[in-house]
Amino acid sequence: MTNKITLFVADDHPMLLKGLVDELIAYNYNVIGTATNGASALASIMELHPTIAILDMEMPMLTGLEVIQKYKEQHANTKFIILTSYKEKGFIHKASVLKIMGYIIKDEPFNELHKCIQSVSRGVPFFSRVFNEVLENEITPQLQKIKLLSPSERTIVRLVAQEKSSKEIGELLSISGRTVEKHRANIKVKLALAPQPDALLVWAKEFKEFLFTI
């Protein structure tokens, strides 16, 4: 029975929030609270402990991911579904690191969210097809490559992402610029990057946050 599942919904667009709540109620779900910003959502979820909280990704004060992270630091009762327009790998990676139970794209039919809620309520993760495709085809292969890098090489890549020159990196790490250049060449080989001079910089900017999760 859907009305045994208590839901909390947060989205910073009032009209979208109302439409979503109306749809959930039409499916006989028990919506026990709503919020239009992350801070309010976090406070209410901590007080109400719904079965499932459905959160927008980008909200004022706290993002959906920040709400989840802060809640999980103190509680484990509520399961979370992200309902968002974001399909970029950075967001999907962050969601997977937080072990979010559901991730649904807003332009999908409502029935997908319904199926997600039912699955998550049983303790079974449910993700949009886009989520799985990006995770399997774009994120996982890069994480496997990063595992090939040594801790010092990962440090260098993070500094490259900050647009530090080899000389600047050398000064920060107390090694010569020439040694940094050798490291950069080895890193490019391990990551199977193109030979272009800026290939490592482009990659580092795109995947730098992944370096902290391996």
N, C-alpha and C. Protein backbone atom coordinates (compact mmCIF):
# COMPACT_ATOMS: atom_id res chain seq x y z
N MET A 1 0.84 -1.20 0.00
CA MET A 1 0.00 0.00 0.00
C MET A 1 0.88 1.25 0.00
N THR A 2 0.59 2.16 -0.92
CA THR A 2 1.41 3.36 -1.02
C THR A 2 1.24 4.28 0.17
N ASN A 3 0.04 4.28 0.82
CA ASN A 3 -0.17 5.22 1.92
C ASN A 3 0.56 4.84 3.19
N LYS A 4 1.20 3.67 3.20
CA LYS A 4 2.03 3.28 4.34
C LYS A 4 3.44 3.87 4.23
N ILE A 5 3.77 4.39 3.04
CA ILE A 5 5.07 5.00 2.81
C ILE A 5 4.96 6.49 3.06
N THR A 6 5.66 7.00 4.05
CA THR A 6 5.61 8.44 4.31
C THR A 6 6.69 9.13 3.47
N LEU A 7 6.29 10.21 2.83
CA LEU A 7 7.18 10.93 1.91
C LEU A 7 7.37 12.37 2.35
N PHE A 8 8.57 12.87 2.14
CA PHE A 8 8.87 14.30 2.27
C PHE A 8 9.42 14.75 0.92
N VAL A 9 8.99 15.92 0.45
CA VAL A 9 9.37 16.39 -0.88
C VAL A 9 9.94 17.80 -0.79
N ALA A 10 11.08 18.03 -1.44
CA ALA A 10 11.69 19.36 -1.45
C ALA A 10 12.08 19.77 -2.86
N ASP A 11 11.65 20.96 -3.25
CA ASP A 11 12.01 21.53 -4.56
C ASP A 11 11.86 23.04 -4.44
N ASP A 12 12.81 23.79 -4.98
CA ASP A 12 12.76 25.24 -4.81
C ASP A 12 11.85 25.94 -5.82
N HIS A 13 11.15 25.19 -6.66
CA HIS A 13 10.17 25.77 -7.58
C HIS A 13 8.78 25.44 -7.06
N PRO A 14 8.07 26.39 -6.44
CA PRO A 14 6.78 26.11 -5.80
C PRO A 14 5.76 25.43 -6.72
N MET A 15 5.70 25.84 -7.97
CA MET A 15 4.71 25.24 -8.88
C MET A 15 5.05 23.78 -9.17
N LEU A 16 6.34 23.52 -9.39
CA LEU A 16 6.76 22.13 -9.62
C LEU A 16 6.53 21.29 -8.38
N LEU A 17 6.81 21.87 -7.21
CA LEU A 17 6.61 21.16 -5.95
C LEU A 17 5.14 20.80 -5.77
N LYS A 18 4.25 21.77 -6.01
CA LYS A 18 2.82 21.51 -5.86
C LYS A 18 2.36 20.42 -6.84
N GLY A 19 2.82 20.52 -8.08
CA GLY A 19 2.43 19.52 -9.08
C GLY A 19 2.88 18.13 -8.69
N LEU A 20 4.09 18.03 -8.16
CA LEU A 20 4.63 16.73 -7.75
C LEU A 20 3.85 16.18 -6.56
N VAL A 21 3.57 17.03 -5.57
CA VAL A 21 2.82 16.59 -4.40
C VAL A 21 1.42 16.14 -4.81
N ASP A 22 0.77 16.89 -5.68
CA ASP A 22 -0.57 16.51 -6.14
C ASP A 22 -0.55 15.15 -6.82
N GLU A 23 0.50 14.91 -7.63
CA GLU A 23 0.62 13.64 -8.33
C GLU A 23 0.83 12.50 -7.33
N LEU A 24 1.66 12.74 -6.34
CA LEU A 24 1.92 11.71 -5.32
C LEU A 24 0.66 11.39 -4.52
N ILE A 25 -0.09 12.41 -4.18
CA ILE A 25 -1.34 12.21 -3.44
C ILE A 25 -2.34 11.44 -4.29
N ALA A 26 -2.37 11.73 -5.59
CA ALA A 26 -3.26 11.02 -6.51
C ALA A 26 -2.93 9.53 -6.55
N TYR A 27 -1.66 9.21 -6.30
CA TYR A 27 -1.23 7.80 -6.23
C TYR A 27 -1.39 7.23 -4.83
N ASN A 28 -2.06 7.98 -3.96
CA ASN A 28 -2.36 7.56 -2.59
C ASN A 28 -1.13 7.52 -1.68
N TYR A 29 -0.11 8.31 -2.01
CA TYR A 29 1.05 8.40 -1.12
C TYR A 29 0.75 9.36 0.03
N ASN A 30 1.39 9.11 1.16
CA ASN A 30 1.22 9.93 2.35
C ASN A 30 2.36 10.95 2.42
N VAL A 31 2.13 12.15 1.89
CA VAL A 31 3.14 13.21 1.90
C VAL A 31 3.02 13.96 3.22
N ILE A 32 4.05 13.84 4.07
CA ILE A 32 3.96 14.41 5.43
C ILE A 32 4.65 15.75 5.56
N GLY A 33 5.28 16.23 4.48
CA GLY A 33 5.94 17.53 4.57
C GLY A 33 6.59 17.93 3.28
N THR A 34 6.80 19.24 3.11
CA THR A 34 7.48 19.78 1.93
C THR A 34 8.39 20.92 2.34
N ALA A 35 9.31 21.28 1.44
CA ALA A 35 10.21 22.41 1.68
C ALA A 35 10.64 22.98 0.34
N THR A 36 11.01 24.26 0.36
CA THR A 36 11.48 24.92 -0.86
C THR A 36 12.95 25.34 -0.76
N ASN A 37 13.61 24.95 0.31
CA ASN A 37 15.06 25.18 0.40
C ASN A 37 15.70 24.04 1.20
N GLY A 38 17.00 23.86 1.03
CA GLY A 38 17.69 22.74 1.64
C GLY A 38 17.74 22.77 3.15
N ALA A 39 17.90 23.96 3.72
CA ALA A 39 18.00 24.06 5.18
C ALA A 39 16.69 23.65 5.84
N SER A 40 15.58 24.13 5.29
CA SER A 40 14.27 23.76 5.81
C SER A 40 14.01 22.28 5.63
N ALA A 41 14.44 21.75 4.48
CA ALA A 41 14.26 20.33 4.20
C ALA A 41 15.00 19.48 5.24
N LEU A 42 16.25 19.83 5.52
CA LEU A 42 17.06 19.08 6.47
C LEU A 42 16.41 19.09 7.86
N ALA A 43 15.98 20.26 8.32
CA ALA A 43 15.37 20.37 9.65
C ALA A 43 14.11 19.52 9.74
N SER A 44 13.30 19.56 8.70
CA SER A 44 12.03 18.81 8.71
C SER A 44 12.27 17.31 8.64
N ILE A 45 13.21 16.89 7.81
CA ILE A 45 13.50 15.45 7.68
C ILE A 45 14.04 14.91 8.99
N MET A 46 14.89 15.67 9.66
CA MET A 46 15.42 15.24 10.95
C MET A 46 14.32 15.13 12.00
N GLU A 47 13.30 15.95 11.89
CA GLU A 47 12.19 15.92 12.85
C GLU A 47 11.18 14.82 12.51
N LEU A 48 10.88 14.67 11.21
CA LEU A 48 9.80 13.78 10.80
C LEU A 48 10.24 12.35 10.48
N HIS A 49 11.49 12.19 10.05
CA HIS A 49 12.02 10.88 9.65
C HIS A 49 11.07 10.13 8.71
N PRO A 50 10.78 10.72 7.55
CA PRO A 50 9.90 10.02 6.60
C PRO A 50 10.55 8.74 6.08
N THR A 51 9.74 7.87 5.52
CA THR A 51 10.29 6.65 4.90
C THR A 51 11.27 7.03 3.81
N ILE A 52 10.83 7.98 2.97
CA ILE A 52 11.63 8.42 1.83
C ILE A 52 11.55 9.94 1.70
N ALA A 53 12.68 10.58 1.42
CA ALA A 53 12.70 12.01 1.09
C ALA A 53 13.08 12.15 -0.38
N ILE A 54 12.28 12.91 -1.12
CA ILE A 54 12.53 13.16 -2.54
C ILE A 54 13.04 14.59 -2.66
N LEU A 55 14.28 14.74 -3.10
CA LEU A 55 14.93 16.05 -3.08
C LEU A 55 15.37 16.50 -4.47
N ASP A 56 15.18 17.79 -4.73
CA ASP A 56 15.77 18.41 -5.91
C ASP A 56 17.28 18.50 -5.67
N MET A 57 18.05 18.51 -6.74
CA MET A 57 19.50 18.58 -6.60
C MET A 57 19.96 19.96 -6.15
N GLU A 58 19.53 21.00 -6.87
CA GLU A 58 19.97 22.37 -6.57
C GLU A 58 18.87 23.13 -5.86
N MET A 59 19.14 23.51 -4.60
CA MET A 59 18.20 24.30 -3.81
C MET A 59 18.97 25.37 -3.05
N PRO A 60 18.30 26.47 -2.65
CA PRO A 60 18.97 27.48 -1.84
C PRO A 60 19.41 26.92 -0.49
N MET A 61 20.45 27.51 0.06
CA MET A 61 20.98 27.21 1.40
C MET A 61 21.74 25.88 1.45
N LEU A 62 21.11 24.80 1.07
CA LEU A 62 21.78 23.50 1.00
C LEU A 62 21.31 22.77 -0.25
N THR A 63 22.22 22.14 -0.96
CA THR A 63 21.81 21.32 -2.10
C THR A 63 21.20 20.02 -1.59
N GLY A 64 20.54 19.31 -2.49
CA GLY A 64 19.99 18.02 -2.11
C GLY A 64 21.05 17.08 -1.57
N LEU A 65 22.22 17.07 -2.21
CA LEU A 65 23.30 16.19 -1.76
C LEU A 65 23.82 16.60 -0.39
N GLU A 66 23.89 17.89 -0.12
CA GLU A 66 24.34 18.36 1.19
C GLU A 66 23.34 17.98 2.27
N VAL A 67 22.06 18.06 1.95
CA VAL A 67 21.03 17.63 2.90
C VAL A 67 21.23 16.16 3.26
N ILE A 68 21.44 15.34 2.25
CA ILE A 68 21.61 13.90 2.47
C ILE A 68 22.85 13.63 3.32
N GLN A 69 23.95 14.27 2.97
CA GLN A 69 25.19 14.05 3.71
C GLN A 69 25.04 14.44 5.17
N LYS A 70 24.44 15.59 5.43
CA LYS A 70 24.28 16.07 6.81
C LYS A 70 23.31 15.18 7.59
N TYR A 71 22.27 14.73 6.94
CA TYR A 71 21.31 13.84 7.62
C TYR A 71 21.97 12.52 7.99
N LYS A 72 22.73 11.96 7.05
CA LYS A 72 23.36 10.65 7.28
C LYS A 72 24.43 10.69 8.36
N GLU A 73 24.95 11.87 8.65
CA GLU A 73 25.94 11.99 9.72
C GLU A 73 25.33 11.72 11.08
N GLN A 74 24.00 11.87 11.19
CA GLN A 74 23.34 11.72 12.49
C GLN A 74 22.26 10.64 12.51
N HIS A 75 21.69 10.32 11.35
CA HIS A 75 20.57 9.39 11.31
C HIS A 75 20.72 8.42 10.14
N ALA A 76 19.91 7.36 10.18
CA ALA A 76 19.96 6.38 9.08
C ALA A 76 18.56 5.90 8.70
N ASN A 77 17.51 6.53 9.26
CA ASN A 77 16.15 6.05 9.04
C ASN A 77 15.65 6.28 7.62
N THR A 78 15.80 7.50 7.15
CA THR A 78 15.21 7.90 5.88
C THR A 78 16.06 7.49 4.69
N LYS A 79 15.37 7.03 3.64
CA LYS A 79 16.04 6.75 2.37
C LYS A 79 15.82 7.94 1.45
N PHE A 80 16.74 8.14 0.49
CA PHE A 80 16.69 9.35 -0.33
C PHE A 80 16.61 9.05 -1.82
N ILE A 81 15.80 9.88 -2.48
CA ILE A 81 15.71 9.87 -3.94
C ILE A 81 16.01 11.28 -4.43
N ILE A 82 16.91 11.40 -5.36
CA ILE A 82 17.17 12.69 -6.01
C ILE A 82 16.31 12.76 -7.27
N LEU A 83 15.54 13.84 -7.39
CA LEU A 83 14.72 14.10 -8.58
C LEU A 83 15.27 15.38 -9.21
N THR A 84 15.88 15.26 -10.38
CA THR A 84 16.66 16.38 -10.91
C THR A 84 16.68 16.41 -12.43
N SER A 85 17.13 17.54 -12.96
CA SER A 85 17.35 17.65 -14.40
C SER A 85 18.80 17.35 -14.77
N TYR A 86 19.67 17.23 -13.77
CA TYR A 86 21.10 17.07 -14.02
C TYR A 86 21.45 15.65 -14.45
N LYS A 87 22.14 15.56 -15.59
CA LYS A 87 22.59 14.28 -16.12
C LYS A 87 24.11 14.21 -16.18
N GLU A 88 24.80 15.28 -15.71
CA GLU A 88 26.25 15.35 -15.79
C GLU A 88 26.91 14.34 -14.85
N LYS A 89 28.07 13.84 -15.27
CA LYS A 89 28.73 12.79 -14.50
C LYS A 89 29.19 13.25 -13.13
N GLY A 90 29.51 14.53 -12.98
CA GLY A 90 29.93 15.02 -11.66
C GLY A 90 28.84 14.83 -10.61
N PHE A 91 27.60 15.19 -10.96
CA PHE A 91 26.48 15.04 -10.04
C PHE A 91 26.19 13.56 -9.78
N ILE A 92 26.22 12.77 -10.83
CA ILE A 92 25.92 11.35 -10.70
C ILE A 92 26.98 10.66 -9.85
N HIS A 93 28.22 11.06 -10.03
CA HIS A 93 29.29 10.48 -9.21
C HIS A 93 29.09 10.82 -7.73
N LYS A 94 28.79 12.06 -7.44
CA LYS A 94 28.57 12.46 -6.05
C LYS A 94 27.41 11.67 -5.43
N ALA A 95 26.35 11.48 -6.22
CA ALA A 95 25.20 10.71 -5.73
C ALA A 95 25.59 9.27 -5.44
N SER A 96 26.40 8.68 -6.30
CA SER A 96 26.80 7.29 -6.10
C SER A 96 27.71 7.15 -4.88
N VAL A 97 28.57 8.14 -4.65
CA VAL A 97 29.46 8.11 -3.48
C VAL A 97 28.64 8.15 -2.19
N LEU A 98 27.55 8.92 -2.19
CA LEU A 98 26.69 9.03 -1.01
C LEU A 98 25.76 7.83 -0.85
N LYS A 99 25.82 6.90 -1.83
CA LYS A 99 24.97 5.69 -1.79
C LYS A 99 23.49 6.04 -1.73
N ILE A 100 23.11 7.01 -2.54
CA ILE A 100 21.71 7.39 -2.65
C ILE A 100 20.92 6.24 -3.28
N MET A 101 19.72 6.02 -2.77
CA MET A 101 18.94 4.85 -3.21
C MET A 101 18.26 5.06 -4.56
N GLY A 102 17.96 6.32 -4.90
CA GLY A 102 17.25 6.57 -6.16
C GLY A 102 17.68 7.86 -6.82
N TYR A 103 17.67 7.86 -8.14
CA TYR A 103 18.06 9.05 -8.91
C TYR A 103 17.19 9.06 -10.17
N ILE A 104 16.26 10.01 -10.22
CA ILE A 104 15.31 10.08 -11.32
C ILE A 104 15.42 11.43 -12.03
N ILE A 105 15.41 11.38 -13.36
CA ILE A 105 15.47 12.60 -14.17
C ILE A 105 14.07 13.19 -14.32
N LYS A 106 13.95 14.49 -14.17
CA LYS A 106 12.64 15.15 -14.13
C LYS A 106 11.84 15.02 -15.42
N ASP A 107 12.52 14.87 -16.56
CA ASP A 107 11.76 14.80 -17.80
C ASP A 107 11.22 13.40 -18.09
N GLU A 108 11.38 12.47 -17.16
CA GLU A 108 10.82 11.14 -17.33
C GLU A 108 9.37 11.10 -16.85
N PRO A 109 8.60 10.11 -17.29
CA PRO A 109 7.20 10.01 -16.84
C PRO A 109 7.12 9.82 -15.32
N PHE A 110 6.04 10.30 -14.74
CA PHE A 110 5.86 10.17 -13.29
C PHE A 110 5.91 8.72 -12.85
N ASN A 111 5.48 7.82 -13.70
CA ASN A 111 5.47 6.40 -13.34
C ASN A 111 6.86 5.89 -12.97
N GLU A 112 7.91 6.51 -13.55
CA GLU A 112 9.28 6.12 -13.20
C GLU A 112 9.58 6.46 -11.74
N LEU A 113 9.10 7.63 -11.31
CA LEU A 113 9.28 8.00 -9.90
C LEU A 113 8.47 7.06 -9.01
N HIS A 114 7.28 6.73 -9.42
CA HIS A 114 6.45 5.78 -8.66
C HIS A 114 7.17 4.44 -8.50
N LYS A 115 7.71 3.93 -9.58
CA LYS A 115 8.44 2.66 -9.52
C LYS A 115 9.67 2.78 -8.62
N CYS A 116 10.31 3.95 -8.68
CA CYS A 116 11.49 4.20 -7.85
C CYS A 116 11.11 4.18 -6.37
N ILE A 117 10.03 4.87 -6.01
CA ILE A 117 9.58 4.91 -4.62
C ILE A 117 9.27 3.50 -4.12
N GLN A 118 8.55 2.74 -4.93
CA GLN A 118 8.20 1.38 -4.53
C GLN A 118 9.45 0.52 -4.31
N SER A 119 10.41 0.66 -5.21
CA SER A 119 11.63 -0.12 -5.11
C SER A 119 12.45 0.28 -3.89
N VAL A 120 12.64 1.58 -3.72
CA VAL A 120 13.44 2.09 -2.60
C VAL A 120 12.80 1.73 -1.26
N SER A 121 11.47 1.75 -1.20
CA SER A 121 10.78 1.40 0.04
C SER A 121 11.05 -0.04 0.45
N ARG A 122 11.39 -0.89 -0.53
CA ARG A 122 11.73 -2.29 -0.26
C ARG A 122 13.23 -2.47 -0.02
N GLY A 123 13.98 -1.35 -0.07
CA GLY A 123 15.42 -1.42 0.14
C GLY A 123 16.22 -1.74 -1.10
N VAL A 124 15.57 -1.62 -2.27
CA VAL A 124 16.23 -1.93 -3.54
C VAL A 124 16.48 -0.63 -4.32
N PRO A 125 17.73 -0.27 -4.60
CA PRO A 125 18.01 0.97 -5.34
C PRO A 125 17.34 0.97 -6.72
N PHE A 126 17.00 2.18 -7.19
CA PHE A 126 16.36 2.33 -8.50
C PHE A 126 16.86 3.62 -9.12
N PHE A 127 17.44 3.51 -10.31
CA PHE A 127 18.02 4.68 -10.96
C PHE A 127 17.52 4.82 -12.40
N SER A 128 17.47 6.06 -12.85
CA SER A 128 17.14 6.32 -14.25
C SER A 128 18.14 5.63 -15.17
N ARG A 129 17.69 5.32 -16.35
CA ARG A 129 18.58 4.69 -17.34
C ARG A 129 19.80 5.57 -17.58
N VAL A 130 19.60 6.89 -17.65
CA VAL A 130 20.71 7.82 -17.87
C VAL A 130 21.75 7.69 -16.76
N PHE A 131 21.30 7.57 -15.52
CA PHE A 131 22.20 7.43 -14.38
C PHE A 131 23.10 6.21 -14.56
N ASN A 132 22.48 5.09 -14.87
CA ASN A 132 23.25 3.85 -15.03
C ASN A 132 24.21 3.92 -16.21
N GLU A 133 23.76 4.54 -17.31
CA GLU A 133 24.62 4.64 -18.50
C GLU A 133 25.85 5.49 -18.21
N VAL A 134 25.65 6.64 -17.57
CA VAL A 134 26.77 7.53 -17.26
C VAL A 134 27.71 6.86 -16.26
N LEU A 135 27.14 6.20 -15.26
CA LEU A 135 27.96 5.54 -14.25
C LEU A 135 28.82 4.44 -14.87
N GLU A 136 28.21 3.62 -15.72
CA GLU A 136 28.91 2.47 -16.29
C GLU A 136 29.88 2.86 -17.42
N ASN A 137 29.47 3.83 -18.24
CA ASN A 137 30.25 4.14 -19.44
C ASN A 137 31.23 5.29 -19.29
N GLU A 138 30.97 6.20 -18.34
CA GLU A 138 31.83 7.38 -18.22
C GLU A 138 32.57 7.46 -16.88
N ILE A 139 31.90 7.08 -15.80
CA ILE A 139 32.51 7.24 -14.49
C ILE A 139 33.38 6.05 -14.10
N THR A 140 32.82 4.86 -14.15
CA THR A 140 33.57 3.67 -13.72
C THR A 140 34.88 3.49 -14.47
N PRO A 141 34.92 3.66 -15.80
CA PRO A 141 36.21 3.53 -16.49
C PRO A 141 37.26 4.52 -16.00
N GLN A 142 36.85 5.76 -15.70
CA GLN A 142 37.80 6.76 -15.21
C GLN A 142 38.29 6.41 -13.80
N LEU A 143 37.39 5.89 -12.96
CA LEU A 143 37.80 5.49 -11.62
C LEU A 143 38.82 4.36 -11.68
N GLN A 144 38.65 3.47 -12.62
CA GLN A 144 39.62 2.38 -12.79
C GLN A 144 40.99 2.93 -13.19
N LYS A 145 41.00 3.94 -14.05
CA LYS A 145 42.26 4.57 -14.45
C LYS A 145 42.93 5.26 -13.26
N ILE A 146 42.12 5.96 -12.45
CA ILE A 146 42.68 6.69 -11.32
C ILE A 146 43.35 5.76 -10.33
N LYS A 147 42.84 4.53 -10.22
CA LYS A 147 43.45 3.56 -9.31
C LYS A 147 44.90 3.24 -9.70
N LEU A 148 45.24 3.52 -10.96
CA LEU A 148 46.61 3.26 -11.42
C LEU A 148 47.59 4.33 -10.95
N LEU A 149 47.07 5.47 -10.52
CA LEU A 149 47.94 6.58 -10.10
C LEU A 149 48.39 6.40 -8.65
N SER A 150 49.63 6.76 -8.40
CA SER A 150 50.15 6.73 -7.03
C SER A 150 49.60 7.94 -6.27
N PRO A 151 49.66 7.94 -4.93
CA PRO A 151 49.20 9.10 -4.16
C PRO A 151 49.85 10.40 -4.59
N SER A 152 51.17 10.38 -4.88
CA SER A 152 51.86 11.60 -5.30
C SER A 152 51.37 12.06 -6.67
N GLU A 153 51.05 11.11 -7.55
CA GLU A 153 50.54 11.48 -8.87
C GLU A 153 49.15 12.09 -8.76
N ARG A 154 48.34 11.58 -7.85
CA ARG A 154 47.01 12.16 -7.65
C ARG A 154 47.13 13.59 -7.12
N THR A 155 48.10 13.81 -6.25
CA THR A 155 48.33 15.16 -5.74
C THR A 155 48.70 16.11 -6.87
N ILE A 156 49.56 15.64 -7.75
CA ILE A 156 49.97 16.46 -8.90
C ILE A 156 48.78 16.77 -9.79
N VAL A 157 47.91 15.78 -10.02
CA VAL A 157 46.74 16.01 -10.87
C VAL A 157 45.82 17.05 -10.25
N ARG A 158 45.65 17.00 -8.93
CA ARG A 158 44.81 18.00 -8.26
C ARG A 158 45.39 19.41 -8.46
N LEU A 159 46.71 19.51 -8.39
CA LEU A 159 47.36 20.81 -8.58
C LEU A 159 47.28 21.26 -10.03
N VAL A 160 47.36 20.32 -10.95
CA VAL A 160 47.18 20.63 -12.37
C VAL A 160 45.78 21.19 -12.59
N ALA A 161 44.79 20.59 -11.92
CA ALA A 161 43.40 21.05 -12.05
C ALA A 161 43.25 22.49 -11.57
N GLN A 162 44.12 22.90 -10.66
CA GLN A 162 44.11 24.29 -10.17
C GLN A 162 44.91 25.21 -11.08
N GLU A 163 45.34 24.65 -12.23
CA GLU A 163 46.10 25.39 -13.25
C GLU A 163 47.47 25.83 -12.73
N LYS A 164 48.06 25.04 -11.85
CA LYS A 164 49.42 25.31 -11.40
C LYS A 164 50.41 24.84 -12.47
N SER A 165 51.45 25.61 -12.70
CA SER A 165 52.49 25.21 -13.65
C SER A 165 53.37 24.15 -13.02
N SER A 166 54.19 23.50 -13.86
CA SER A 166 55.11 22.49 -13.33
C SER A 166 56.08 23.11 -12.32
N LYS A 167 56.51 24.34 -12.60
CA LYS A 167 57.40 25.02 -11.67
C LYS A 167 56.71 25.26 -10.33
N GLU A 168 55.46 25.73 -10.37
CA GLU A 168 54.72 26.00 -9.14
C GLU A 168 54.46 24.71 -8.36
N ILE A 169 54.12 23.64 -9.08
CA ILE A 169 53.88 22.35 -8.43
C ILE A 169 55.17 21.87 -7.77
N GLY A 170 56.28 22.02 -8.48
CA GLY A 170 57.58 21.62 -7.94
C GLY A 170 57.90 22.34 -6.65
N GLU A 171 57.64 23.65 -6.62
CA GLU A 171 57.91 24.43 -5.42
C GLU A 171 57.03 24.00 -4.25
N LEU A 172 55.77 23.68 -4.55
CA LEU A 172 54.84 23.25 -3.50
C LEU A 172 55.22 21.88 -2.94
N LEU A 173 55.74 21.01 -3.80
CA LEU A 173 56.05 19.64 -3.39
C LEU A 173 57.54 19.43 -3.10
N SER A 174 58.31 20.50 -3.21
CA SER A 174 59.77 20.45 -2.96
C SER A 174 60.47 19.46 -3.89
N ILE A 175 60.10 19.51 -5.16
CA ILE A 175 60.78 18.72 -6.19
C ILE A 175 61.03 19.64 -7.37
N SER A 176 61.88 19.20 -8.29
CA SER A 176 62.20 20.06 -9.42
C SER A 176 61.06 20.07 -10.45
N GLY A 177 61.02 21.15 -11.22
CA GLY A 177 60.03 21.23 -12.29
C GLY A 177 60.19 20.11 -13.30
N ARG A 178 61.43 19.71 -13.54
CA ARG A 178 61.69 18.60 -14.48
C ARG A 178 61.09 17.30 -13.96
N THR A 179 61.19 17.08 -12.65
CA THR A 179 60.59 15.88 -12.06
C THR A 179 59.07 15.91 -12.20
N VAL A 180 58.49 17.09 -12.03
CA VAL A 180 57.04 17.23 -12.21
C VAL A 180 56.66 16.89 -13.64
N GLU A 181 57.46 17.36 -14.61
CA GLU A 181 57.17 17.08 -16.01
C GLU A 181 57.21 15.57 -16.28
N LYS A 182 58.15 14.88 -15.64
CA LYS A 182 58.23 13.43 -15.81
C LYS A 182 56.98 12.76 -15.23
N HIS A 183 56.56 13.24 -14.08
CA HIS A 183 55.34 12.71 -13.46
C HIS A 183 54.14 12.95 -14.38
N ARG A 184 54.07 14.14 -14.93
CA ARG A 184 52.93 14.47 -15.79
C ARG A 184 52.91 13.56 -17.02
N ALA A 185 54.06 13.29 -17.58
CA ALA A 185 54.14 12.40 -18.74
C ALA A 185 53.68 10.99 -18.36
N ASN A 186 54.12 10.51 -17.21
CA ASN A 186 53.70 9.18 -16.75
C ASN A 186 52.20 9.12 -16.48
N ILE A 187 51.67 10.19 -15.91
CA ILE A 187 50.24 10.25 -15.62
C ILE A 187 49.43 10.17 -16.91
N LYS A 188 49.86 10.90 -17.93
CA LYS A 188 49.15 10.89 -19.20
C LYS A 188 49.13 9.49 -19.81
N VAL A 189 50.23 8.78 -19.65
CA VAL A 189 50.28 7.40 -20.16
C VAL A 189 49.30 6.51 -19.39
N LYS A 190 49.31 6.61 -18.07
CA LYS A 190 48.43 5.79 -17.25
C LYS A 190 46.96 6.07 -17.52
N LEU A 191 46.65 7.33 -17.80
CA LEU A 191 45.27 7.71 -18.06
C LEU A 191 44.87 7.55 -19.52
N ALA A 192 45.83 7.13 -20.33
CA ALA A 192 45.59 6.93 -21.78
C ALA A 192 45.06 8.20 -22.43
N LEU A 193 45.72 9.33 -22.12
CA LEU A 193 45.30 10.61 -22.67
C LEU A 193 45.99 10.90 -23.99
N ALA A 194 45.38 11.78 -24.75
CA ALA A 194 45.96 12.20 -26.03
C ALA A 194 47.25 12.97 -25.78
N PRO A 195 48.14 13.05 -26.78
CA PRO A 195 49.44 13.70 -26.58
C PRO A 195 49.40 15.23 -26.53
N GLN A 196 48.24 15.84 -26.77
CA GLN A 196 48.16 17.30 -26.75
C GLN A 196 48.63 17.87 -25.41
N PRO A 197 49.32 19.02 -25.42
CA PRO A 197 49.88 19.60 -24.19
C PRO A 197 48.85 19.84 -23.08
N ASP A 198 47.62 20.21 -23.47
CA ASP A 198 46.62 20.54 -22.45
C ASP A 198 45.71 19.37 -22.11
N ALA A 199 46.01 18.18 -22.59
CA ALA A 199 45.13 17.02 -22.36
C ALA A 199 44.98 16.70 -20.88
N LEU A 200 46.08 16.78 -20.13
CA LEU A 200 46.00 16.47 -18.70
C LEU A 200 45.22 17.54 -17.96
N LEU A 201 45.40 18.79 -18.32
CA LEU A 201 44.67 19.88 -17.68
C LEU A 201 43.17 19.70 -17.89
N VAL A 202 42.76 19.41 -19.11
CA VAL A 202 41.34 19.22 -19.42
C VAL A 202 40.77 18.07 -18.61
N TRP A 203 41.51 16.95 -18.58
CA TRP A 203 41.04 15.78 -17.83
C TRP A 203 40.98 16.09 -16.33
N ALA A 204 42.01 16.75 -15.82
CA ALA A 204 42.09 17.03 -14.39
C ALA A 204 40.93 17.91 -13.93
N LYS A 205 40.56 18.89 -14.73
CA LYS A 205 39.45 19.77 -14.36
C LYS A 205 38.13 19.01 -14.32
N GLU A 206 38.00 18.07 -15.23
CA GLU A 206 36.74 17.33 -15.34
C GLU A 206 36.59 16.26 -14.26
N PHE A 207 37.70 15.65 -13.86
CA PHE A 207 37.62 14.50 -12.96
C PHE A 207 38.33 14.70 -11.62
N LYS A 208 38.72 15.93 -11.28
CA LYS A 208 39.53 16.12 -10.09
C LYS A 208 38.85 15.62 -8.82
N GLU A 209 37.53 15.80 -8.72
CA GLU A 209 36.86 15.36 -7.50
C GLU A 209 36.86 13.84 -7.33
N PHE A 210 37.02 13.13 -8.44
CA PHE A 210 37.06 11.67 -8.37
C PHE A 210 38.31 11.20 -7.62
N LEU A 211 39.35 12.02 -7.63
CA LEU A 211 40.63 11.64 -7.02
C LEU A 211 40.51 11.49 -5.50
N PHE A 212 39.46 12.04 -4.92
CA PHE A 212 39.31 11.99 -3.47
C PHE A 212 38.46 10.81 -3.02
N THR A 213 37.98 9.99 -3.96
CA THR A 213 37.04 8.93 -3.61
C THR A 213 37.59 7.53 -3.85
N ILE A 214 38.85 7.43 -4.26
CA ILE A 214 39.46 6.12 -4.52
C ILE A 214 40.30 5.70 -3.31
